[in-house]
Amino acid sequence: MTASVKSSPLGLAVLALLHHRPLHPYGIQQLLKQWGKEQVVNVGQRAGLYRTIERLQAGGLIAVRQTERDQQYPERTVYEVTEEGRAVTREWLEQMLAVPKAEFPVFPAALSNMLLLSPDEAAPILERRAARLAGERAELERQSAEAPTGLPRITLIENEYRLAVLVAEERWLQGVLSDLRDGSLTWSPEMLAAFQEASASDSAAT
């Protein structure tokens, strides 16, 4: 039955929260935000959360615990994780931790087509990205600095990872910008056309 349930970051987050206690969808969404998990999983659209819950229930990974009725709120369905769901949670977690996945982020895709711009056009655009990265890094550093004393490191381990990735990208990007400024990284339509022509000639010769 679980073969039809595809693993996803949001699905894993829902299962993990239901390990903590049974919850209704609104409670899941609020707890994800309260714990800062919206920075690593997309919970902005409630419809996406409901679709994920439906898939988990259809796959037998979660089940209805009870239905809550309150005059102040609409009827709420409370879900709990099943034993099968507990097993699959561990399986997904191990796979996501151990196996790098090609996620096709947009930035490398844009870099691969940056030659459509001139170096003079590309530099200020990349400078804007560098400024945004610096802002994100500062925010993560602030969150780490303001974490309660004695808070177990594991509770913010995803922020630690994100900060390391940001710092690495920022360092690389500053190097690229430096190379653009001093001309050691440059290109032009003529340069690219000449390279393409030379490559075609080499291929024909072989």
N, C-alpha and C. Protein backbone atom coordinates (compact mmCIF):
# COMPACT_ATOMS: atom_id res chain seq x y z
N MET A 1 0.83 -1.21 0.00
CA MET A 1 0.00 0.00 0.00
C MET A 1 0.86 1.25 0.00
N THR A 2 2.00 1.22 0.70
CA THR A 2 2.84 2.41 0.80
C THR A 2 3.58 2.71 -0.49
N ALA A 3 3.61 1.75 -1.43
CA ALA A 3 4.34 1.99 -2.67
C ALA A 3 3.75 3.16 -3.44
N SER A 4 2.45 3.44 -3.24
CA SER A 4 1.80 4.52 -3.98
C SER A 4 2.05 5.89 -3.34
N VAL A 5 2.67 5.92 -2.17
CA VAL A 5 2.92 7.19 -1.48
C VAL A 5 4.35 7.61 -1.75
N LYS A 6 4.50 8.68 -2.51
CA LYS A 6 5.83 9.18 -2.85
C LYS A 6 6.35 10.05 -1.72
N SER A 7 7.60 9.85 -1.37
CA SER A 7 8.18 10.64 -0.29
C SER A 7 8.28 12.10 -0.71
N SER A 8 8.17 12.99 0.26
CA SER A 8 8.30 14.42 0.02
C SER A 8 8.70 15.09 1.32
N PRO A 9 9.36 16.25 1.25
CA PRO A 9 9.71 16.96 2.49
C PRO A 9 8.49 17.28 3.35
N LEU A 10 7.40 17.71 2.72
CA LEU A 10 6.21 18.04 3.49
C LEU A 10 5.59 16.79 4.09
N GLY A 11 5.56 15.71 3.33
CA GLY A 11 5.03 14.46 3.86
C GLY A 11 5.81 13.98 5.06
N LEU A 12 7.13 14.08 4.98
CA LEU A 12 7.97 13.68 6.11
C LEU A 12 7.71 14.57 7.32
N ALA A 13 7.56 15.88 7.08
CA ALA A 13 7.32 16.81 8.19
C ALA A 13 5.99 16.50 8.88
N VAL A 14 4.96 16.19 8.10
CA VAL A 14 3.65 15.85 8.68
C VAL A 14 3.76 14.58 9.52
N LEU A 15 4.39 13.57 8.97
CA LEU A 15 4.55 12.31 9.72
C LEU A 15 5.34 12.54 11.00
N ALA A 16 6.39 13.35 10.91
CA ALA A 16 7.21 13.61 12.09
C ALA A 16 6.41 14.30 13.19
N LEU A 17 5.58 15.27 12.80
CA LEU A 17 4.76 15.97 13.80
C LEU A 17 3.75 15.03 14.43
N LEU A 18 3.20 14.13 13.64
CA LEU A 18 2.21 13.20 14.18
C LEU A 18 2.86 12.14 15.07
N HIS A 19 4.18 11.98 14.97
CA HIS A 19 4.89 11.17 15.96
C HIS A 19 4.81 11.85 17.33
N HIS A 20 4.77 13.18 17.29
CA HIS A 20 4.74 13.96 18.53
C HIS A 20 3.39 13.84 19.23
N ARG A 21 2.33 14.05 18.45
CA ARG A 21 0.97 13.88 19.00
C ARG A 21 -0.03 13.97 17.85
N PRO A 22 -1.24 13.43 18.02
CA PRO A 22 -2.28 13.58 17.00
C PRO A 22 -2.62 15.05 16.79
N LEU A 23 -2.87 15.42 15.54
CA LEU A 23 -3.14 16.83 15.21
C LEU A 23 -4.15 16.93 14.08
N HIS A 24 -4.84 18.06 14.01
CA HIS A 24 -5.67 18.35 12.85
C HIS A 24 -4.83 19.19 11.89
N PRO A 25 -5.25 19.32 10.62
CA PRO A 25 -4.42 20.01 9.63
C PRO A 25 -4.01 21.42 10.03
N TYR A 26 -4.94 22.18 10.60
CA TYR A 26 -4.58 23.54 11.00
C TYR A 26 -3.50 23.51 12.09
N GLY A 27 -3.63 22.57 13.01
CA GLY A 27 -2.62 22.44 14.06
C GLY A 27 -1.26 22.06 13.49
N ILE A 28 -1.27 21.21 12.46
CA ILE A 28 -0.02 20.83 11.80
C ILE A 28 0.63 22.05 11.17
N GLN A 29 -0.16 22.83 10.45
CA GLN A 29 0.37 24.02 9.78
C GLN A 29 0.93 25.02 10.79
N GLN A 30 0.21 25.24 11.87
CA GLN A 30 0.66 26.20 12.88
C GLN A 30 1.92 25.73 13.58
N LEU A 31 1.99 24.43 13.87
CA LEU A 31 3.17 23.90 14.56
C LEU A 31 4.40 23.95 13.66
N LEU A 32 4.20 23.69 12.36
CA LEU A 32 5.32 23.80 11.42
C LEU A 32 5.88 25.21 11.41
N LYS A 33 4.99 26.20 11.44
CA LYS A 33 5.44 27.59 11.45
C LYS A 33 6.07 27.95 12.80
N GLN A 34 5.45 27.48 13.88
CA GLN A 34 5.96 27.78 15.22
C GLN A 34 7.37 27.24 15.41
N TRP A 35 7.63 26.07 14.86
CA TRP A 35 8.95 25.45 14.99
C TRP A 35 9.91 25.89 13.89
N GLY A 36 9.50 26.81 13.03
CA GLY A 36 10.38 27.32 11.99
C GLY A 36 10.59 26.38 10.83
N LYS A 37 9.75 25.37 10.70
CA LYS A 37 9.94 24.39 9.63
C LYS A 37 9.49 24.92 8.27
N GLU A 38 8.76 26.06 8.26
CA GLU A 38 8.34 26.60 6.98
C GLU A 38 9.53 27.12 6.17
N GLN A 39 10.70 27.21 6.81
CA GLN A 39 11.90 27.62 6.09
C GLN A 39 12.51 26.48 5.28
N VAL A 40 12.09 25.26 5.57
CA VAL A 40 12.65 24.11 4.85
C VAL A 40 11.60 23.27 4.15
N VAL A 41 10.32 23.49 4.47
CA VAL A 41 9.23 22.82 3.74
C VAL A 41 8.19 23.87 3.38
N ASN A 42 7.53 23.67 2.26
CA ASN A 42 6.55 24.64 1.77
C ASN A 42 5.19 24.39 2.41
N VAL A 43 4.84 25.24 3.37
CA VAL A 43 3.53 25.12 4.02
C VAL A 43 2.70 26.38 3.81
N GLY A 44 3.11 27.20 2.84
CA GLY A 44 2.41 28.45 2.61
C GLY A 44 0.99 28.25 2.09
N GLN A 45 0.80 27.20 1.28
CA GLN A 45 -0.52 26.93 0.72
C GLN A 45 -1.18 25.80 1.48
N ARG A 46 -2.30 26.11 2.14
CA ARG A 46 -2.98 25.09 2.92
C ARG A 46 -3.48 23.94 2.05
N ALA A 47 -3.82 24.26 0.78
CA ALA A 47 -4.31 23.21 -0.12
C ALA A 47 -3.25 22.14 -0.32
N GLY A 48 -1.99 22.55 -0.41
CA GLY A 48 -0.91 21.58 -0.57
C GLY A 48 -0.79 20.68 0.64
N LEU A 49 -0.98 21.25 1.82
CA LEU A 49 -0.93 20.45 3.04
C LEU A 49 -2.07 19.44 3.06
N TYR A 50 -3.26 19.86 2.68
CA TYR A 50 -4.41 18.95 2.67
C TYR A 50 -4.20 17.82 1.66
N ARG A 51 -3.63 18.14 0.51
CA ARG A 51 -3.37 17.09 -0.49
C ARG A 51 -2.36 16.08 0.05
N THR A 52 -1.35 16.58 0.75
CA THR A 52 -0.36 15.68 1.34
C THR A 52 -1.01 14.78 2.38
N ILE A 53 -1.85 15.35 3.21
CA ILE A 53 -2.55 14.56 4.24
C ILE A 53 -3.43 13.50 3.58
N GLU A 54 -4.11 13.87 2.52
CA GLU A 54 -4.96 12.90 1.81
C GLU A 54 -4.14 11.74 1.27
N ARG A 55 -2.96 12.05 0.70
CA ARG A 55 -2.10 10.98 0.17
C ARG A 55 -1.59 10.07 1.28
N LEU A 56 -1.21 10.67 2.39
CA LEU A 56 -0.72 9.86 3.51
C LEU A 56 -1.82 8.97 4.06
N GLN A 57 -3.03 9.50 4.13
CA GLN A 57 -4.14 8.69 4.63
C GLN A 57 -4.49 7.58 3.65
N ALA A 58 -4.52 7.90 2.36
CA ALA A 58 -4.84 6.89 1.35
C ALA A 58 -3.80 5.78 1.34
N GLY A 59 -2.56 6.12 1.67
CA GLY A 59 -1.50 5.12 1.71
C GLY A 59 -1.42 4.36 3.01
N GLY A 60 -2.29 4.67 3.95
CA GLY A 60 -2.30 3.96 5.22
C GLY A 60 -1.23 4.41 6.19
N LEU A 61 -0.62 5.57 5.93
CA LEU A 61 0.46 6.04 6.80
C LEU A 61 -0.07 6.85 7.98
N ILE A 62 -1.24 7.45 7.80
CA ILE A 62 -1.92 8.13 8.90
C ILE A 62 -3.38 7.71 8.89
N ALA A 63 -4.06 7.92 10.01
CA ALA A 63 -5.47 7.54 10.11
C ALA A 63 -6.20 8.58 10.95
N VAL A 64 -7.51 8.62 10.78
CA VAL A 64 -8.33 9.55 11.56
C VAL A 64 -8.39 9.06 13.01
N ARG A 65 -8.02 9.94 13.92
CA ARG A 65 -8.08 9.62 15.34
C ARG A 65 -9.46 9.98 15.90
N GLN A 66 -9.94 11.18 15.54
CA GLN A 66 -11.24 11.63 16.01
C GLN A 66 -11.64 12.88 15.24
N THR A 67 -12.88 13.28 15.41
CA THR A 67 -13.36 14.53 14.82
C THR A 67 -13.76 15.47 15.94
N GLU A 68 -13.17 16.66 15.91
CA GLU A 68 -13.45 17.64 16.96
C GLU A 68 -14.54 18.59 16.49
N ARG A 69 -15.47 18.87 17.38
CA ARG A 69 -16.55 19.81 17.07
C ARG A 69 -16.55 20.91 18.12
N ASP A 70 -16.56 22.14 17.63
CA ASP A 70 -16.56 23.30 18.51
C ASP A 70 -17.40 24.38 17.84
N GLN A 71 -18.23 25.06 18.60
CA GLN A 71 -19.10 26.08 18.02
C GLN A 71 -18.31 27.22 17.39
N GLN A 72 -17.10 27.46 17.87
CA GLN A 72 -16.31 28.58 17.37
C GLN A 72 -15.54 28.24 16.10
N TYR A 73 -15.38 26.94 15.80
CA TYR A 73 -14.56 26.53 14.66
C TYR A 73 -15.31 25.51 13.82
N PRO A 74 -14.94 25.39 12.54
CA PRO A 74 -15.51 24.32 11.72
C PRO A 74 -15.06 22.95 12.28
N GLU A 75 -15.74 21.92 11.87
CA GLU A 75 -15.39 20.57 12.29
C GLU A 75 -13.96 20.26 11.87
N ARG A 76 -13.19 19.69 12.78
CA ARG A 76 -11.78 19.41 12.51
C ARG A 76 -11.49 17.93 12.68
N THR A 77 -10.82 17.37 11.68
CA THR A 77 -10.44 15.97 11.73
C THR A 77 -9.03 15.85 12.29
N VAL A 78 -8.88 15.07 13.33
CA VAL A 78 -7.58 14.87 13.97
C VAL A 78 -6.98 13.57 13.45
N TYR A 79 -5.71 13.64 13.04
CA TYR A 79 -5.03 12.47 12.47
C TYR A 79 -3.93 11.98 13.42
N GLU A 80 -3.64 10.69 13.30
CA GLU A 80 -2.53 10.09 14.03
C GLU A 80 -1.72 9.22 13.08
N VAL A 81 -0.46 9.03 13.40
CA VAL A 81 0.39 8.20 12.55
C VAL A 81 0.13 6.73 12.86
N THR A 82 0.12 5.90 11.83
CA THR A 82 -0.07 4.47 12.01
C THR A 82 1.28 3.78 12.21
N GLU A 83 1.25 2.51 12.57
CA GLU A 83 2.50 1.77 12.70
C GLU A 83 3.22 1.70 11.36
N GLU A 84 2.45 1.52 10.31
CA GLU A 84 3.05 1.51 8.97
C GLU A 84 3.66 2.87 8.67
N GLY A 85 2.98 3.93 9.11
CA GLY A 85 3.50 5.27 8.91
C GLY A 85 4.80 5.50 9.67
N ARG A 86 4.90 4.93 10.85
CA ARG A 86 6.14 5.06 11.62
C ARG A 86 7.31 4.40 10.89
N ALA A 87 7.04 3.24 10.32
CA ALA A 87 8.09 2.53 9.59
C ALA A 87 8.51 3.30 8.34
N VAL A 88 7.52 3.84 7.63
CA VAL A 88 7.82 4.58 6.41
C VAL A 88 8.53 5.90 6.73
N THR A 89 8.17 6.53 7.84
CA THR A 89 8.86 7.75 8.25
C THR A 89 10.35 7.50 8.39
N ARG A 90 10.70 6.42 9.05
CA ARG A 90 12.11 6.09 9.22
C ARG A 90 12.77 5.79 7.87
N GLU A 91 12.05 5.08 7.02
CA GLU A 91 12.58 4.74 5.70
C GLU A 91 12.85 6.01 4.88
N TRP A 92 11.87 6.92 4.87
CA TRP A 92 12.05 8.18 4.14
C TRP A 92 13.19 9.00 4.73
N LEU A 93 13.23 9.07 6.04
CA LEU A 93 14.25 9.87 6.71
C LEU A 93 15.65 9.35 6.38
N GLU A 94 15.83 8.05 6.45
CA GLU A 94 17.13 7.47 6.14
C GLU A 94 17.52 7.75 4.70
N GLN A 95 16.56 7.61 3.79
CA GLN A 95 16.85 7.83 2.37
C GLN A 95 17.21 9.29 2.10
N MET A 96 16.45 10.21 2.69
CA MET A 96 16.72 11.64 2.45
C MET A 96 18.04 12.09 3.06
N LEU A 97 18.41 11.49 4.19
CA LEU A 97 19.68 11.84 4.82
C LEU A 97 20.87 11.25 4.08
N ALA A 98 20.70 10.04 3.56
CA ALA A 98 21.85 9.31 3.01
C ALA A 98 22.08 9.52 1.53
N VAL A 99 21.01 9.78 0.77
CA VAL A 99 21.13 9.78 -0.70
C VAL A 99 20.95 11.20 -1.25
N PRO A 100 22.02 11.81 -1.80
CA PRO A 100 21.86 13.11 -2.45
C PRO A 100 20.89 13.00 -3.62
N LYS A 101 20.04 13.99 -3.76
CA LYS A 101 19.02 13.95 -4.82
C LYS A 101 19.19 15.14 -5.74
N ALA A 102 19.08 14.88 -7.05
CA ALA A 102 19.12 15.97 -8.02
C ALA A 102 17.82 16.75 -7.92
N GLU A 103 17.90 17.96 -7.39
CA GLU A 103 16.69 18.75 -7.14
C GLU A 103 16.47 19.85 -8.17
N PHE A 104 17.43 20.04 -9.07
CA PHE A 104 17.31 21.00 -10.17
C PHE A 104 16.88 22.39 -9.70
N PRO A 105 17.67 23.01 -8.81
CA PRO A 105 17.34 24.37 -8.38
C PRO A 105 17.48 25.36 -9.53
N VAL A 106 16.83 26.51 -9.39
CA VAL A 106 16.76 27.45 -10.51
C VAL A 106 18.08 28.19 -10.75
N PHE A 107 18.87 28.41 -9.70
CA PHE A 107 20.08 29.22 -9.88
C PHE A 107 21.08 28.58 -10.84
N PRO A 108 21.43 27.28 -10.68
CA PRO A 108 22.33 26.68 -11.66
C PRO A 108 21.77 26.70 -13.08
N ALA A 109 20.45 26.55 -13.20
CA ALA A 109 19.84 26.61 -14.53
C ALA A 109 20.03 27.99 -15.14
N ALA A 110 19.88 29.03 -14.32
CA ALA A 110 20.09 30.39 -14.82
C ALA A 110 21.56 30.63 -15.16
N LEU A 111 22.46 30.12 -14.31
CA LEU A 111 23.89 30.28 -14.59
C LEU A 111 24.28 29.66 -15.93
N SER A 112 23.67 28.52 -16.23
CA SER A 112 24.02 27.82 -17.47
C SER A 112 23.60 28.60 -18.71
N ASN A 113 22.74 29.60 -18.52
CA ASN A 113 22.29 30.43 -19.63
C ASN A 113 22.71 31.90 -19.48
N MET A 114 23.62 32.17 -18.55
CA MET A 114 24.03 33.54 -18.30
C MET A 114 24.77 34.15 -19.49
N LEU A 115 25.28 33.29 -20.37
CA LEU A 115 25.99 33.80 -21.55
C LEU A 115 25.08 34.58 -22.49
N LEU A 116 23.76 34.52 -22.26
CA LEU A 116 22.85 35.34 -23.05
C LEU A 116 22.97 36.82 -22.67
N LEU A 117 23.53 37.08 -21.50
CA LEU A 117 23.79 38.45 -21.05
C LEU A 117 25.24 38.79 -21.34
N SER A 118 25.55 40.06 -21.32
CA SER A 118 26.95 40.47 -21.39
C SER A 118 27.52 40.47 -19.98
N PRO A 119 28.84 40.41 -19.83
CA PRO A 119 29.42 40.49 -18.49
C PRO A 119 28.98 41.74 -17.73
N ASP A 120 28.86 42.86 -18.44
CA ASP A 120 28.43 44.10 -17.78
C ASP A 120 26.98 44.02 -17.31
N GLU A 121 26.17 43.24 -17.99
CA GLU A 121 24.78 43.06 -17.57
C GLU A 121 24.68 42.06 -16.42
N ALA A 122 25.52 41.03 -16.47
CA ALA A 122 25.44 39.97 -15.47
C ALA A 122 25.91 40.43 -14.10
N ALA A 123 26.95 41.26 -14.07
CA ALA A 123 27.56 41.65 -12.79
C ALA A 123 26.57 42.29 -11.82
N PRO A 124 25.83 43.32 -12.21
CA PRO A 124 24.90 43.93 -11.24
C PRO A 124 23.77 42.99 -10.81
N ILE A 125 23.39 42.09 -11.70
CA ILE A 125 22.35 41.11 -11.33
C ILE A 125 22.87 40.18 -10.25
N LEU A 126 24.10 39.70 -10.42
CA LEU A 126 24.70 38.83 -9.42
C LEU A 126 24.98 39.59 -8.12
N GLU A 127 25.27 40.87 -8.23
CA GLU A 127 25.46 41.68 -7.02
C GLU A 127 24.17 41.76 -6.21
N ARG A 128 23.03 41.82 -6.90
CA ARG A 128 21.75 41.81 -6.19
C ARG A 128 21.55 40.49 -5.46
N ARG A 129 21.95 39.40 -6.09
CA ARG A 129 21.83 38.10 -5.41
C ARG A 129 22.75 38.06 -4.19
N ALA A 130 23.96 38.57 -4.35
CA ALA A 130 24.91 38.57 -3.24
C ALA A 130 24.36 39.35 -2.05
N ALA A 131 23.68 40.46 -2.33
CA ALA A 131 23.10 41.26 -1.25
C ALA A 131 21.99 40.48 -0.54
N ARG A 132 21.19 39.76 -1.31
CA ARG A 132 20.12 38.96 -0.70
C ARG A 132 20.70 37.82 0.14
N LEU A 133 21.75 37.20 -0.36
CA LEU A 133 22.39 36.12 0.39
C LEU A 133 22.94 36.65 1.72
N ALA A 134 23.54 37.83 1.67
CA ALA A 134 24.08 38.43 2.89
C ALA A 134 22.96 38.68 3.90
N GLY A 135 21.80 39.13 3.40
CA GLY A 135 20.67 39.36 4.28
C GLY A 135 20.15 38.07 4.90
N GLU A 136 20.05 37.01 4.10
CA GLU A 136 19.59 35.72 4.61
C GLU A 136 20.58 35.17 5.63
N ARG A 137 21.87 35.33 5.34
CA ARG A 137 22.89 34.85 6.28
C ARG A 137 22.78 35.60 7.61
N ALA A 138 22.60 36.90 7.54
CA ALA A 138 22.48 37.69 8.76
C ALA A 138 21.27 37.26 9.59
N GLU A 139 20.17 36.94 8.91
CA GLU A 139 18.97 36.51 9.62
C GLU A 139 19.19 35.16 10.31
N LEU A 140 19.83 34.23 9.62
CA LEU A 140 20.12 32.93 10.23
C LEU A 140 21.08 33.08 11.41
N GLU A 141 22.06 33.95 11.26
CA GLU A 141 22.99 34.18 12.36
C GLU A 141 22.27 34.80 13.55
N ARG A 142 21.31 35.68 13.27
CA ARG A 142 20.52 36.29 14.35
C ARG A 142 19.70 35.23 15.08
N GLN A 143 19.06 34.35 14.31
CA GLN A 143 18.26 33.29 14.92
C GLN A 143 19.11 32.39 15.80
N SER A 144 20.30 32.07 15.33
CA SER A 144 21.20 31.22 16.12
C SER A 144 21.63 31.93 17.39
N ALA A 145 21.93 33.23 17.27
CA ALA A 145 22.38 33.99 18.43
C ALA A 145 21.28 34.15 19.47
N GLU A 146 20.02 34.20 19.01
CA GLU A 146 18.90 34.42 19.92
C GLU A 146 18.27 33.12 20.43
N ALA A 147 18.82 31.99 20.01
CA ALA A 147 18.29 30.71 20.48
C ALA A 147 18.46 30.61 22.00
N PRO A 148 17.49 30.02 22.68
CA PRO A 148 17.59 29.91 24.14
C PRO A 148 18.85 29.17 24.58
N THR A 149 19.43 29.61 25.66
CA THR A 149 20.61 28.95 26.20
C THR A 149 20.29 27.51 26.56
N GLY A 150 21.14 26.62 26.14
CA GLY A 150 20.93 25.21 26.44
C GLY A 150 20.07 24.47 25.44
N LEU A 151 19.59 25.19 24.40
CA LEU A 151 18.76 24.53 23.39
C LEU A 151 19.60 23.47 22.68
N PRO A 152 19.12 22.23 22.63
CA PRO A 152 19.90 21.18 21.97
C PRO A 152 20.22 21.54 20.52
N ARG A 153 21.45 21.32 20.12
CA ARG A 153 21.89 21.68 18.78
C ARG A 153 21.04 21.05 17.70
N ILE A 154 20.55 19.83 17.93
CA ILE A 154 19.80 19.09 16.92
C ILE A 154 18.53 19.83 16.52
N THR A 155 17.98 20.66 17.41
CA THR A 155 16.72 21.34 17.11
C THR A 155 16.87 22.41 16.04
N LEU A 156 18.10 22.87 15.83
CA LEU A 156 18.35 23.90 14.81
C LEU A 156 19.36 23.42 13.77
N ILE A 157 19.51 22.12 13.63
CA ILE A 157 20.54 21.59 12.75
C ILE A 157 20.30 21.98 11.29
N GLU A 158 19.01 22.14 10.91
CA GLU A 158 18.73 22.53 9.52
C GLU A 158 19.18 23.96 9.26
N ASN A 159 19.07 24.84 10.27
CA ASN A 159 19.57 26.20 10.11
C ASN A 159 21.09 26.22 9.98
N GLU A 160 21.73 25.34 10.71
CA GLU A 160 23.19 25.23 10.63
C GLU A 160 23.61 24.84 9.22
N TYR A 161 22.88 23.89 8.64
CA TYR A 161 23.18 23.46 7.27
C TYR A 161 22.92 24.59 6.28
N ARG A 162 21.78 25.25 6.42
CA ARG A 162 21.43 26.34 5.51
C ARG A 162 22.46 27.46 5.58
N LEU A 163 22.95 27.74 6.78
CA LEU A 163 23.95 28.78 6.95
C LEU A 163 25.25 28.39 6.26
N ALA A 164 25.65 27.14 6.40
CA ALA A 164 26.88 26.68 5.75
C ALA A 164 26.76 26.78 4.22
N VAL A 165 25.59 26.42 3.69
CA VAL A 165 25.37 26.51 2.24
C VAL A 165 25.39 27.97 1.79
N LEU A 166 24.74 28.84 2.56
CA LEU A 166 24.72 30.26 2.22
C LEU A 166 26.13 30.86 2.21
N VAL A 167 26.90 30.53 3.23
CA VAL A 167 28.26 31.06 3.33
C VAL A 167 29.10 30.59 2.15
N ALA A 168 28.96 29.31 1.79
CA ALA A 168 29.72 28.78 0.66
C ALA A 168 29.31 29.45 -0.65
N GLU A 169 28.01 29.62 -0.86
CA GLU A 169 27.56 30.27 -2.10
C GLU A 169 28.00 31.73 -2.14
N GLU A 170 27.89 32.39 -1.00
CA GLU A 170 28.28 33.80 -0.94
C GLU A 170 29.77 33.96 -1.28
N ARG A 171 30.60 33.07 -0.73
CA ARG A 171 32.04 33.13 -1.00
C ARG A 171 32.31 32.89 -2.49
N TRP A 172 31.64 31.89 -3.06
CA TRP A 172 31.83 31.59 -4.48
C TRP A 172 31.36 32.77 -5.34
N LEU A 173 30.22 33.33 -4.99
CA LEU A 173 29.65 34.42 -5.78
C LEU A 173 30.55 35.65 -5.74
N GLN A 174 31.12 35.94 -4.59
CA GLN A 174 32.03 37.08 -4.51
C GLN A 174 33.26 36.86 -5.39
N GLY A 175 33.71 35.62 -5.48
CA GLY A 175 34.84 35.31 -6.37
C GLY A 175 34.48 35.53 -7.83
N VAL A 176 33.28 35.11 -8.22
CA VAL A 176 32.83 35.33 -9.59
C VAL A 176 32.71 36.82 -9.89
N LEU A 177 32.16 37.57 -8.95
CA LEU A 177 32.03 39.02 -9.15
C LEU A 177 33.40 39.68 -9.29
N SER A 178 34.35 39.22 -8.49
CA SER A 178 35.70 39.77 -8.59
C SER A 178 36.29 39.48 -9.97
N ASP A 179 36.07 38.27 -10.47
CA ASP A 179 36.59 37.90 -11.79
C ASP A 179 35.90 38.69 -12.90
N LEU A 180 34.61 38.99 -12.72
CA LEU A 180 33.91 39.81 -13.71
C LEU A 180 34.47 41.23 -13.71
N ARG A 181 34.78 41.74 -12.54
CA ARG A 181 35.27 43.12 -12.44
C ARG A 181 36.65 43.27 -13.07
N ASP A 182 37.53 42.27 -12.84
CA ASP A 182 38.90 42.42 -13.38
C ASP A 182 39.05 41.84 -14.78
N GLY A 183 37.96 41.29 -15.33
CA GLY A 183 37.99 40.82 -16.71
C GLY A 183 38.50 39.41 -16.89
N SER A 184 38.87 38.72 -15.81
CA SER A 184 39.35 37.35 -15.97
C SER A 184 38.21 36.38 -16.30
N LEU A 185 36.99 36.79 -16.03
CA LEU A 185 35.81 36.06 -16.50
C LEU A 185 35.08 36.97 -17.47
N THR A 186 35.10 36.59 -18.73
CA THR A 186 34.44 37.42 -19.73
C THR A 186 34.00 36.55 -20.90
N TRP A 187 33.12 37.07 -21.70
CA TRP A 187 32.64 36.38 -22.88
C TRP A 187 31.98 37.40 -23.80
N SER A 188 31.77 37.00 -25.03
CA SER A 188 31.09 37.86 -26.01
C SER A 188 30.50 36.95 -27.07
N PRO A 189 29.53 37.43 -27.82
CA PRO A 189 28.98 36.60 -28.90
C PRO A 189 30.06 36.15 -29.88
N GLU A 190 31.02 37.03 -30.15
CA GLU A 190 32.09 36.68 -31.09
C GLU A 190 32.97 35.57 -30.52
N MET A 191 33.30 35.67 -29.24
CA MET A 191 34.12 34.65 -28.59
C MET A 191 33.41 33.29 -28.61
N LEU A 192 32.14 33.30 -28.29
CA LEU A 192 31.38 32.06 -28.25
C LEU A 192 31.21 31.47 -29.65
N ALA A 193 30.99 32.35 -30.63
CA ALA A 193 30.84 31.87 -32.01
C ALA A 193 32.14 31.26 -32.51
N ALA A 194 33.27 31.89 -32.16
CA ALA A 194 34.57 31.37 -32.58
C ALA A 194 34.83 30.00 -31.96
N PHE A 195 34.48 29.85 -30.69
CA PHE A 195 34.66 28.57 -30.02
C PHE A 195 33.79 27.50 -30.67
N GLN A 196 32.54 27.86 -30.98
CA GLN A 196 31.63 26.90 -31.60
C GLN A 196 32.16 26.48 -32.97
N GLU A 197 32.69 27.43 -33.71
CA GLU A 197 33.22 27.12 -35.04
C GLU A 197 34.44 26.22 -34.94
N ALA A 198 35.31 26.51 -33.96
CA ALA A 198 36.51 25.69 -33.78
C ALA A 198 36.13 24.27 -33.36
N SER A 199 35.14 24.15 -32.50
CA SER A 199 34.69 22.83 -32.05
C SER A 199 34.11 22.04 -33.21
N ALA A 200 33.35 22.73 -34.07
CA ALA A 200 32.77 22.05 -35.23
C ALA A 200 33.86 21.57 -36.18
N SER A 201 34.91 22.39 -36.34
CA SER A 201 36.02 22.01 -37.22
C SER A 201 36.76 20.80 -36.67
N ASP A 202 36.98 20.78 -35.35
CA ASP A 202 37.66 19.65 -34.72
C ASP A 202 36.84 18.37 -34.87
N SER A 203 35.52 18.49 -34.73
CA SER A 203 34.66 17.32 -34.86
C SER A 203 34.69 16.79 -36.29
N ALA A 204 34.70 17.70 -37.25
CA ALA A 204 34.72 17.29 -38.65
C ALA A 204 36.04 16.61 -39.00
N ALA A 205 37.12 17.09 -38.39
CA ALA A 205 38.44 16.52 -38.69
C ALA A 205 38.59 15.11 -38.15
N THR A 206 37.88 14.81 -37.08
CA THR A 206 37.99 13.47 -36.50
C THR A 206 36.95 12.53 -37.09
